[in-house]
Amino acid sequence: MEVIVLASGSSGNSLLVRAGGSEFLVDAGLSARKLESRIREAGSDPARLAGILLTHEHSDHASAVCVFSKKWEVPVYSNSSTARAICDAKAAGEIRWRLFETGARFEVAGVGVRSFSVPHDAADPVAFRIEEADTAFAVLTDLGYVTRLIVESLRGVRGMLLETNYDGTLLEKDTRRPWSVKQRITSRHGHLSNADAANLLAQVDAPELSTIILGHLSRDCNCPQLAAGVITNCFAGRAKIPRVHCAGQDAASPVFAIT
């Protein structure tokens, strides 16, 4: 399995997954033109995509889904609440929906995917566990706190895209955001801080975890060095320390082989 983060941040999110001889996206939160460009930069072709998996309907995760899926005739995998929210907001009648039940296992071009609920201020937000043979990769962004279901759903994964949205001290000192926005970010339906993500990793039973990609970093209230340092430190003293990479907004990440 290979994964490439096409973009990650408050301005747009998308992940390209190659597994089982197929390719698909998780989220499509860029403009359709920029998304197409990033896919080609990653050495892929939009015409080859087997689908787009949606975590939720917020524009930084789904803004391109209507235009892109129509142009390239790509099916969109979503639960019914997310699909309904997108259809209510946009003219989405021509989307080739492939609806799944939250918590159920489904397949994209023969690749196993399991969705699981996460707490966020959207209609029915989910994370994904993508499985190929004995390898599992999780996509976990946009959640306000860690539930037992989340910890159990990450059991045995070998890689993950994990949200580290903000540093608590930097957010508290930030003068650009009103108090109401800070409350939303730190609420139980907001986003994970660096410390929250480290606490999650301390609970996960995944001895073969080798790759952690940190995502959705705030430009103002976090920085890659700070986030990566907090996450790396939580593995201090362990025999196996995963590689940690911070995904950005402005360019695609390297190719990560998840084995």
C-alpha atoms as a PDB file:
ATOM      1  CA  MET A   1       0.000   0.000   0.000  1.00  0.00           C
ATOM      2  CA  GLU A   2       1.161   3.539  -0.798  1.00  0.00           C
ATOM      3  CA  VAL A   3      -0.294   6.836   0.366  1.00  0.00           C
ATOM      4  CA  ILE A   4       0.360  10.413  -0.720  1.00  0.00           C
ATOM      5  CA  VAL A   5      -1.117  13.413   1.069  1.00  0.00           C
ATOM      6  CA  LEU A   6      -2.154  15.771  -1.720  1.00  0.00           C
ATOM      7  CA  ALA A   7      -2.994  18.521   0.786  1.00  0.00           C
ATOM      8  CA  SER A   8      -3.721  18.805   4.479  1.00  0.00           C
ATOM      9  CA  GLY A   9      -4.817  21.872   6.405  1.00  0.00           C
ATOM     10  CA  SER A  10      -7.689  24.254   7.024  1.00  0.00           C
ATOM     11  CA  SER A  11      -7.749  25.271   3.349  1.00  0.00           C
ATOM     12  CA  GLY A  12      -8.138  21.793   1.911  1.00  0.00           C
ATOM     13  CA  ASN A  13      -7.554  18.095   2.480  1.00  0.00           C
ATOM     14  CA  SER A  14      -7.110  15.109   0.196  1.00  0.00           C
ATOM     15  CA  LEU A  15      -5.233  11.809   0.356  1.00  0.00           C
ATOM     16  CA  LEU A  16      -4.327   9.505  -2.548  1.00  0.00           C
ATOM     17  CA  VAL A  17      -4.243   5.792  -1.725  1.00  0.00           C
ATOM     18  CA  ARG A  18      -2.741   3.087  -3.939  1.00  0.00           C
ATOM     19  CA  ALA A  19      -3.680  -0.426  -2.900  1.00  0.00           C
ATOM     20  CA  GLY A  20      -4.684  -3.687  -4.495  1.00  0.00           C
ATOM     21  CA  GLY A  21      -3.793  -2.410  -7.955  1.00  0.00           C
ATOM     22  CA  SER A  22      -6.253   0.481  -7.687  1.00  0.00           C
ATOM     23  CA  GLU A  23      -6.146   4.135  -6.671  1.00  0.00           C
ATOM     24  CA  PHE A  24      -8.680   6.236  -4.800  1.00  0.00           C
ATOM     25  CA  LEU A  25      -8.964   9.437  -2.829  1.00  0.00           C
ATOM     26  CA  VAL A  26      -9.960  10.100   0.742  1.00  0.00           C
ATOM     27  CA  ASP A  27     -11.618  13.533   0.664  1.00  0.00           C
ATOM     28  CA  ALA A  28     -11.543  16.137  -2.067  1.00  0.00           C
ATOM     29  CA  GLY A  29     -11.212  19.483  -0.306  1.00  0.00           C
ATOM     30  CA  LEU A  30      -9.333  21.452  -2.978  1.00  0.00           C
ATOM     31  CA  SER A  31     -10.657  23.110  -6.102  1.00  0.00           C
ATOM     32  CA  ALA A  32     -11.270  20.554  -8.846  1.00  0.00           C
ATOM     33  CA  ARG A  33      -8.479  22.088 -10.941  1.00  0.00           C
ATOM     34  CA  LYS A  34      -5.956  22.039  -8.101  1.00  0.00           C
ATOM     35  CA  LEU A  35      -6.943  18.524  -7.108  1.00  0.00           C
ATOM     36  CA  GLU A  36      -6.406  17.288 -10.647  1.00  0.00           C
ATOM     37  CA  SER A  37      -3.010  19.011 -10.745  1.00  0.00           C
ATOM     38  CA  ARG A  38      -1.878  17.448  -7.456  1.00  0.00           C
ATOM     39  CA  ILE A  39      -2.961  13.989  -8.622  1.00  0.00           C
ATOM     40  CA  ARG A  40      -0.899  14.331 -11.788  1.00  0.00           C
ATOM     41  CA  GLU A  41       2.074  15.662  -9.813  1.00  0.00           C
ATOM     42  CA  ALA A  42       1.872  12.491  -7.746  1.00  0.00           C
ATOM     43  CA  GLY A  43       2.279  10.451 -10.919  1.00  0.00           C
ATOM     44  CA  SER A  44      -1.339   9.379 -11.161  1.00  0.00           C
ATOM     45  CA  ASP A  45      -4.237  10.024 -13.519  1.00  0.00           C
ATOM     46  CA  PRO A  46      -7.704  11.191 -12.403  1.00  0.00           C
ATOM     47  CA  ALA A  47      -9.210   8.834 -14.976  1.00  0.00           C
ATOM     48  CA  ARG A  48      -7.803   5.848 -13.064  1.00  0.00           C
ATOM     49  CA  LEU A  49      -9.446   6.667  -9.750  1.00  0.00           C
ATOM     50  CA  ALA A  50     -11.782   4.003  -8.406  1.00  0.00           C
ATOM     51  CA  GLY A  51     -13.563   6.358  -6.027  1.00  0.00           C
ATOM     52  CA  ILE A  52     -13.575   9.218  -3.537  1.00  0.00           C
ATOM     53  CA  LEU A  53     -14.191   8.406   0.125  1.00  0.00           C
ATOM     54  CA  LEU A  54     -15.650  11.259   2.164  1.00  0.00           C
ATOM     55  CA  THR A  55     -15.066  11.700   5.874  1.00  0.00           C
ATOM     56  CA  HIS A  56     -17.615  14.515   6.153  1.00  0.00           C
ATOM     57  CA  GLU A  57     -19.207  17.371   4.236  1.00  0.00           C
ATOM     58  CA  HIS A  58     -17.151  20.404   5.327  1.00  0.00           C
ATOM     59  CA  SER A  59     -15.777  22.336   2.380  1.00  0.00           C
ATOM     60  CA  ASP A  60     -12.122  21.741   3.265  1.00  0.00           C
ATOM     61  CA  HIS A  61     -12.826  18.044   2.730  1.00  0.00           C
ATOM     62  CA  ALA A  62     -15.491  18.011   0.028  1.00  0.00           C
ATOM     63  CA  SER A  63     -15.389  21.242  -2.018  1.00  0.00           C
ATOM     64  CA  ALA A  64     -14.343  19.553  -5.285  1.00  0.00           C
ATOM     65  CA  VAL A  65     -16.472  16.458  -5.013  1.00  0.00           C
ATOM     66  CA  CYS A  66     -19.335  17.557  -7.287  1.00  0.00           C
ATOM     67  CA  VAL A  67     -17.297  19.035 -10.144  1.00  0.00           C
ATOM     68  CA  PHE A  68     -14.477  16.501  -9.984  1.00  0.00           C
ATOM     69  CA  SER A  69     -16.619  13.374  -9.700  1.00  0.00           C
ATOM     70  CA  LYS A  70     -18.866  14.531 -12.550  1.00  0.00           C
ATOM     71  CA  LYS A  71     -15.952  15.357 -14.870  1.00  0.00           C
ATOM     72  CA  TRP A  72     -14.086  12.087 -14.259  1.00  0.00           C
ATOM     73  CA  GLU A  73     -17.116   9.884 -13.555  1.00  0.00           C
ATOM     74  CA  VAL A  74     -15.677   8.846 -10.201  1.00  0.00           C
ATOM     75  CA  PRO A  75     -18.071   7.248  -7.695  1.00  0.00           C
ATOM     76  CA  VAL A  76     -18.274   8.873  -4.260  1.00  0.00           C
ATOM     77  CA  TYR A  77     -18.385   6.727  -1.115  1.00  0.00           C
ATOM     78  CA  SER A  78     -20.223   8.356   1.767  1.00  0.00           C
ATOM     79  CA  ASN A  79     -22.733   7.665   4.491  1.00  0.00           C
ATOM     80  CA  SER A  80     -26.242   8.935   3.824  1.00  0.00           C
ATOM     81  CA  SER A  81     -26.076  11.904   6.220  1.00  0.00           C
ATOM     82  CA  THR A  82     -22.938  13.289   4.590  1.00  0.00           C
ATOM     83  CA  ALA A  83     -24.390  12.763   1.111  1.00  0.00           C
ATOM     84  CA  ARG A  84     -27.603  14.515   2.142  1.00  0.00           C
ATOM     85  CA  ALA A  85     -25.675  17.471   3.574  1.00  0.00           C
ATOM     86  CA  ILE A  86     -23.718  17.860   0.325  1.00  0.00           C
ATOM     87  CA  CYS A  87     -26.842  17.554  -1.809  1.00  0.00           C
ATOM     88  CA  ASP A  88     -28.591  20.183   0.315  1.00  0.00           C
ATOM     89  CA  ALA A  89     -25.693  22.596  -0.172  1.00  0.00           C
ATOM     90  CA  LYS A  90     -24.860  21.961  -3.829  1.00  0.00           C
ATOM     91  CA  ALA A  91     -26.355  20.735  -7.080  1.00  0.00           C
ATOM     92  CA  ALA A  92     -25.079  17.222  -6.534  1.00  0.00           C
ATOM     93  CA  GLY A  93     -27.693  15.225  -8.406  1.00  0.00           C
ATOM     94  CA  GLU A  94     -25.238  13.718 -10.874  1.00  0.00           C
ATOM     95  CA  ILE A  95     -22.872  12.289  -8.279  1.00  0.00           C
ATOM     96  CA  ARG A  96     -22.582   8.512  -8.483  1.00  0.00           C
ATOM     97  CA  TRP A  97     -23.133   7.867  -4.783  1.00  0.00           C
ATOM     98  CA  ARG A  98     -22.013   4.624  -3.165  1.00  0.00           C
ATOM     99  CA  LEU A  99     -23.592   4.811   0.273  1.00  0.00           C
ATOM    100  CA  PHE A 100     -22.273   2.886   3.266  1.00  0.00           C
ATOM    101  CA  GLU A 101     -23.500   2.521   6.823  1.00  0.00           C
ATOM    102  CA  THR A 102     -21.217   4.095   9.395  1.00  0.00           C
ATOM    103  CA  GLY A 103     -19.345   1.293  11.118  1.00  0.00           C
ATOM    104  CA  ALA A 104     -19.822  -1.173   8.277  1.00  0.00           C
ATOM    105  CA  ARG A 105     -17.099  -2.666   6.123  1.00  0.00           C
ATOM    106  CA  PHE A 106     -17.226  -2.058   2.368  1.00  0.00           C
ATOM    107  CA  GLU A 107     -14.868  -2.389  -0.584  1.00  0.00           C
ATOM    108  CA  VAL A 108     -13.414   0.022  -3.132  1.00  0.00           C
ATOM    109  CA  ALA A 109     -12.119  -1.879  -6.151  1.00  0.00           C
ATOM    110  CA  GLY A 110     -11.496  -4.894  -3.937  1.00  0.00           C
ATOM    111  CA  VAL A 111      -9.752  -2.961  -1.149  1.00  0.00           C
ATOM    112  CA  GLY A 112     -11.371  -3.324   2.260  1.00  0.00           C
ATOM    113  CA  VAL A 113     -12.452  -0.167   4.087  1.00  0.00           C
ATOM    114  CA  ARG A 114     -14.102   0.201   7.460  1.00  0.00           C
ATOM    115  CA  SER A 115     -15.571   3.485   8.629  1.00  0.00           C
ATOM    116  CA  PHE A 116     -15.948   4.446  12.272  1.00  0.00           C
ATOM    117  CA  SER A 117     -17.578   7.413  13.961  1.00  0.00           C
ATOM    118  CA  VAL A 118     -15.604  10.380  15.246  1.00  0.00           C
ATOM    119  CA  PRO A 119     -16.848  13.364  17.279  1.00  0.00           C
ATOM    120  CA  HIS A 120     -16.892  16.482  15.098  1.00  0.00           C
ATOM    121  CA  ASP A 121     -19.410  19.206  14.251  1.00  0.00           C
ATOM    122  CA  ALA A 122     -20.660  17.645  11.022  1.00  0.00           C
ATOM    123  CA  ALA A 123     -23.676  15.549  10.015  1.00  0.00           C
ATOM    124  CA  ASP A 124     -22.142  12.084  10.548  1.00  0.00           C
ATOM    125  CA  PRO A 125     -18.327  12.381  10.452  1.00  0.00           C
ATOM    126  CA  VAL A 126     -16.203   9.266  10.094  1.00  0.00           C
ATOM    127  CA  ALA A 127     -12.621   8.075   9.961  1.00  0.00           C
ATOM    128  CA  PHE A 128     -11.412   5.186   7.812  1.00  0.00           C
ATOM    129  CA  ARG A 129      -9.376   2.053   8.287  1.00  0.00           C
ATOM    130  CA  ILE A 130      -8.071   0.870   4.891  1.00  0.00           C
ATOM    131  CA  GLU A 131      -6.902  -2.743   4.669  1.00  0.00           C
ATOM    132  CA  GLU A 132      -4.849  -4.653   2.130  1.00  0.00           C
ATOM    133  CA  ALA A 133      -3.786  -8.188   3.090  1.00  0.00           C
ATOM    134  CA  ASP A 134      -2.268  -7.823   6.581  1.00  0.00           C
ATOM    135  CA  THR A 135      -1.557  -4.105   6.243  1.00  0.00           C
ATOM    136  CA  ALA A 136      -3.880  -1.437   7.628  1.00  0.00           C
ATOM    137  CA  PHE A 137      -3.710   2.348   7.306  1.00  0.00           C
ATOM    138  CA  ALA A 138      -6.020   4.747   9.169  1.00  0.00           C
ATOM    139  CA  VAL A 139      -7.208   8.218   8.185  1.00  0.00           C
ATOM    140  CA  LEU A 140      -8.125  10.113  11.340  1.00  0.00           C
ATOM    141  CA  THR A 141      -8.654  13.868  11.090  1.00  0.00           C
ATOM    142  CA  ASP A 142     -11.268  16.329  12.359  1.00  0.00           C
ATOM    143  CA  LEU A 143     -12.267  15.058  15.781  1.00  0.00           C
ATOM    144  CA  GLY A 144     -12.654  16.768  19.099  1.00  0.00           C
ATOM    145  CA  TYR A 145     -11.731  13.987  21.501  1.00  0.00           C
ATOM    146  CA  VAL A 146     -10.681  10.351  21.538  1.00  0.00           C
ATOM    147  CA  THR A 147     -13.302   7.669  22.144  1.00  0.00           C
ATOM    148  CA  ARG A 148     -12.783   4.040  23.043  1.00  0.00           C
ATOM    149  CA  LEU A 149     -14.159   3.095  19.611  1.00  0.00           C
ATOM    150  CA  ILE A 150     -11.391   5.117  17.954  1.00  0.00           C
ATOM    151  CA  VAL A 151      -8.672   3.460  20.026  1.00  0.00           C
ATOM    152  CA  GLU A 152     -10.019   0.001  19.215  1.00  0.00           C
ATOM    153  CA  SER A 153     -10.405   0.831  15.516  1.00  0.00           C
ATOM    154  CA  LEU A 154      -6.691   1.641  15.305  1.00  0.00           C
ATOM    155  CA  ARG A 155      -5.582  -1.682  16.742  1.00  0.00           C
ATOM    156  CA  GLY A 156      -2.801  -3.220  14.662  1.00  0.00           C
ATOM    157  CA  VAL A 157      -2.478  -0.412  12.087  1.00  0.00           C
ATOM    158  CA  ARG A 158       0.888   0.047  10.413  1.00  0.00           C
ATOM    159  CA  GLY A 159       0.370   3.652   9.371  1.00  0.00           C
ATOM    160  CA  MET A 160      -1.975   6.549   9.905  1.00  0.00           C
ATOM    161  CA  LEU A 161      -2.796  10.098   8.933  1.00  0.00           C
ATOM    162  CA  LEU A 162      -3.472  11.730  12.286  1.00  0.00           C
ATOM    163  CA  GLU A 163      -4.715  15.210  13.094  1.00  0.00           C
ATOM    164  CA  THR A 164      -2.479  17.495  15.155  1.00  0.00           C
ATOM    165  CA  ASN A 165      -4.339  20.734  14.580  1.00  0.00           C
ATOM    166  CA  TYR A 166      -2.976  23.045  17.251  1.00  0.00           C
ATOM    167  CA  ASP A 167      -0.649  23.622  20.162  1.00  0.00           C
ATOM    168  CA  GLY A 168      -2.610  24.617  23.253  1.00  0.00           C
ATOM    169  CA  THR A 169      -0.318  27.464  24.269  1.00  0.00           C
ATOM    170  CA  LEU A 170      -0.116  28.967  20.777  1.00  0.00           C
ATOM    171  CA  LEU A 171      -3.887  28.816  20.382  1.00  0.00           C
ATOM    172  CA  GLU A 172      -4.439  30.485  23.749  1.00  0.00           C
ATOM    173  CA  LYS A 173      -2.057  33.328  22.836  1.00  0.00           C
ATOM    174  CA  ASP A 174      -3.401  33.758  19.290  1.00  0.00           C
ATOM    175  CA  THR A 175      -4.901  37.230  18.764  1.00  0.00           C
ATOM    176  CA  ARG A 176      -6.452  36.581  15.343  1.00  0.00           C
ATOM    177  CA  ARG A 177      -9.161  34.202  16.508  1.00  0.00           C
ATOM    178  CA  PRO A 178     -12.090  35.332  18.659  1.00  0.00           C
ATOM    179  CA  TRP A 179     -12.831  33.418  21.829  1.00  0.00           C
ATOM    180  CA  SER A 180     -15.836  31.717  20.234  1.00  0.00           C
ATOM    181  CA  VAL A 181     -13.640  30.198  17.518  1.00  0.00           C
ATOM    182  CA  LYS A 182     -11.106  29.014  20.080  1.00  0.00           C
ATOM    183  CA  GLN A 183     -13.919  27.385  22.025  1.00  0.00           C
ATOM    184  CA  ARG A 184     -15.110  25.586  18.897  1.00  0.00           C
ATOM    185  CA  ILE A 185     -11.600  24.328  18.084  1.00  0.00           C
ATOM    186  CA  THR A 186     -10.983  22.955  21.579  1.00  0.00           C
ATOM    187  CA  SER A 187     -14.501  21.603  22.097  1.00  0.00           C
ATOM    188  CA  ARG A 188     -15.462  17.924  22.113  1.00  0.00           C
ATOM    189  CA  HIS A 189     -16.587  18.344  18.504  1.00  0.00           C
ATOM    190  CA  GLY A 190     -13.622  20.404  17.316  1.00  0.00           C
ATOM    191  CA  HIS A 191     -10.040  19.302  16.639  1.00  0.00           C
ATOM    192  CA  LEU A 192      -7.168  17.426  18.276  1.00  0.00           C
ATOM    193  CA  SER A 193      -4.168  19.241  19.728  1.00  0.00           C
ATOM    194  CA  ASN A 194      -0.627  17.886  19.612  1.00  0.00           C
ATOM    195  CA  ALA A 195      -1.039  16.658  23.184  1.00  0.00           C
ATOM    196  CA  ASP A 196      -4.385  15.009  22.372  1.00  0.00           C
ATOM    197  CA  ALA A 197      -2.811  13.125  19.463  1.00  0.00           C
ATOM    198  CA  ALA A 198       0.093  11.974  21.638  1.00  0.00           C
ATOM    199  CA  ASN A 199      -2.359  10.746  24.271  1.00  0.00           C
ATOM    200  CA  LEU A 200      -4.219   8.789  21.597  1.00  0.00           C
ATOM    201  CA  LEU A 201      -1.031   7.123  20.406  1.00  0.00           C
ATOM    202  CA  ALA A 202      -0.165   6.143  23.964  1.00  0.00           C
ATOM    203  CA  GLN A 203      -3.403   4.127  24.089  1.00  0.00           C
ATOM    204  CA  VAL A 204      -3.235   2.402  20.710  1.00  0.00           C
ATOM    205  CA  ASP A 205      -2.172  -1.235  20.524  1.00  0.00           C
ATOM    206  CA  ALA A 206      -0.232  -1.160  17.258  1.00  0.00           C
ATOM    207  CA  PRO A 207       3.252  -2.654  17.732  1.00  0.00           C
ATOM    208  CA  GLU A 208       3.964  -2.620  13.976  1.00  0.00           C
ATOM    209  CA  LEU A 209       3.092   1.066  13.556  1.00  0.00           C
ATOM    210  CA  SER A 210       5.852   2.458  11.362  1.00  0.00           C
ATOM    211  CA  THR A 211       4.476   5.602   9.699  1.00  0.00           C
ATOM    212  CA  ILE A 212       2.640   8.533  11.255  1.00  0.00           C
ATOM    213  CA  ILE A 213       1.673  11.416   9.003  1.00  0.00           C
ATOM    214  CA  LEU A 214       0.530  14.454  10.962  1.00  0.00           C
ATOM    215  CA  GLY A 215      -2.173  16.503   9.284  1.00  0.00           C
ATOM    216  CA  HIS A 216      -4.508  19.459   9.509  1.00  0.00           C
ATOM    217  CA  LEU A 217      -1.862  21.633  11.212  1.00  0.00           C
ATOM    218  CA  SER A 218      -2.921  25.215  11.874  1.00  0.00           C
ATOM    219  CA  ARG A 219      -0.662  27.739  10.151  1.00  0.00           C
ATOM    220  CA  ASP A 220      -0.892  30.145  13.104  1.00  0.00           C
ATOM    221  CA  CYS A 221      -1.308  27.891  16.123  1.00  0.00           C
ATOM    222  CA  ASN A 222       1.086  25.070  15.355  1.00  0.00           C
ATOM    223  CA  CYS A 223       4.257  24.294  13.440  1.00  0.00           C
ATOM    224  CA  PRO A 224       5.673  21.071  11.989  1.00  0.00           C
ATOM    225  CA  GLN A 225       8.694  20.988  14.301  1.00  0.00           C
ATOM    226  CA  LEU A 226       6.551  21.392  17.398  1.00  0.00           C
ATOM    227  CA  ALA A 227       3.961  18.798  16.365  1.00  0.00           C
ATOM    228  CA  ALA A 228       6.541  16.255  15.252  1.00  0.00           C
ATOM    229  CA  GLY A 229       8.525  16.744  18.446  1.00  0.00           C
ATOM    230  CA  VAL A 230       5.541  16.076  20.691  1.00  0.00           C
ATOM    231  CA  ILE A 231       4.576  12.945  18.773  1.00  0.00           C
ATOM    232  CA  THR A 232       8.127  11.591  18.555  1.00  0.00           C
ATOM    233  CA  ASN A 233       8.645  12.137  22.271  1.00  0.00           C
ATOM    234  CA  CYS A 234       5.675   9.953  23.134  1.00  0.00           C
ATOM    235  CA  PHE A 235       7.622   6.966  21.719  1.00  0.00           C
ATOM    236  CA  ALA A 236      10.736   7.652  23.802  1.00  0.00           C
ATOM    237  CA  GLY A 237      12.157   4.475  25.274  1.00  0.00           C
ATOM    238  CA  ARG A 238      10.302   2.159  22.909  1.00  0.00           C
ATOM    239  CA  ALA A 239      12.185  -0.367  20.809  1.00  0.00           C
ATOM    240  CA  LYS A 240      10.452   0.750  17.620  1.00  0.00           C
ATOM    241  CA  ILE A 241       9.979   4.445  16.876  1.00  0.00           C
ATOM    242  CA  PRO A 242       7.749   5.260  13.873  1.00  0.00           C
ATOM    243  CA  ARG A 243       8.842   7.768  11.268  1.00  0.00           C
ATOM    244  CA  VAL A 244       6.882  11.010  11.710  1.00  0.00           C
ATOM    245  CA  HIS A 245       6.107  13.387   8.846  1.00  0.00           C
ATOM    246  CA  CYS A 246       4.040  16.577   8.821  1.00  0.00           C
ATOM    247  CA  ALA A 247       1.834  16.990   5.763  1.00  0.00           C
ATOM    248  CA  GLY A 248       1.346  20.484   4.393  1.00  0.00           C
ATOM    249  CA  GLN A 249      -1.156  22.570   2.504  1.00  0.00           C
ATOM    250  CA  ASP A 250       0.893  23.806  -0.421  1.00  0.00           C
ATOM    251  CA  ALA A 251       2.381  20.655  -1.946  1.00  0.00           C
ATOM    252  CA  ALA A 252       1.893  16.915  -2.054  1.00  0.00           C
ATOM    253  CA  SER A 253       3.840  14.764   0.384  1.00  0.00           C
ATOM    254  CA  PRO A 254       6.380  12.139  -0.587  1.00  0.00           C
ATOM    255  CA  VAL A 255       5.096   8.633  -1.322  1.00  0.00           C
ATOM    256  CA  PHE A 256       4.776   6.610   1.856  1.00  0.00           C
ATOM    257  CA  ALA A 257       4.967   2.834   1.535  1.00  0.00           C
ATOM    258  CA  ILE A 258       2.921   1.190   4.281  1.00  0.00           C
ATOM    259  CA  THR A 259       4.200  -2.321   4.897  1.00  0.00           C
END
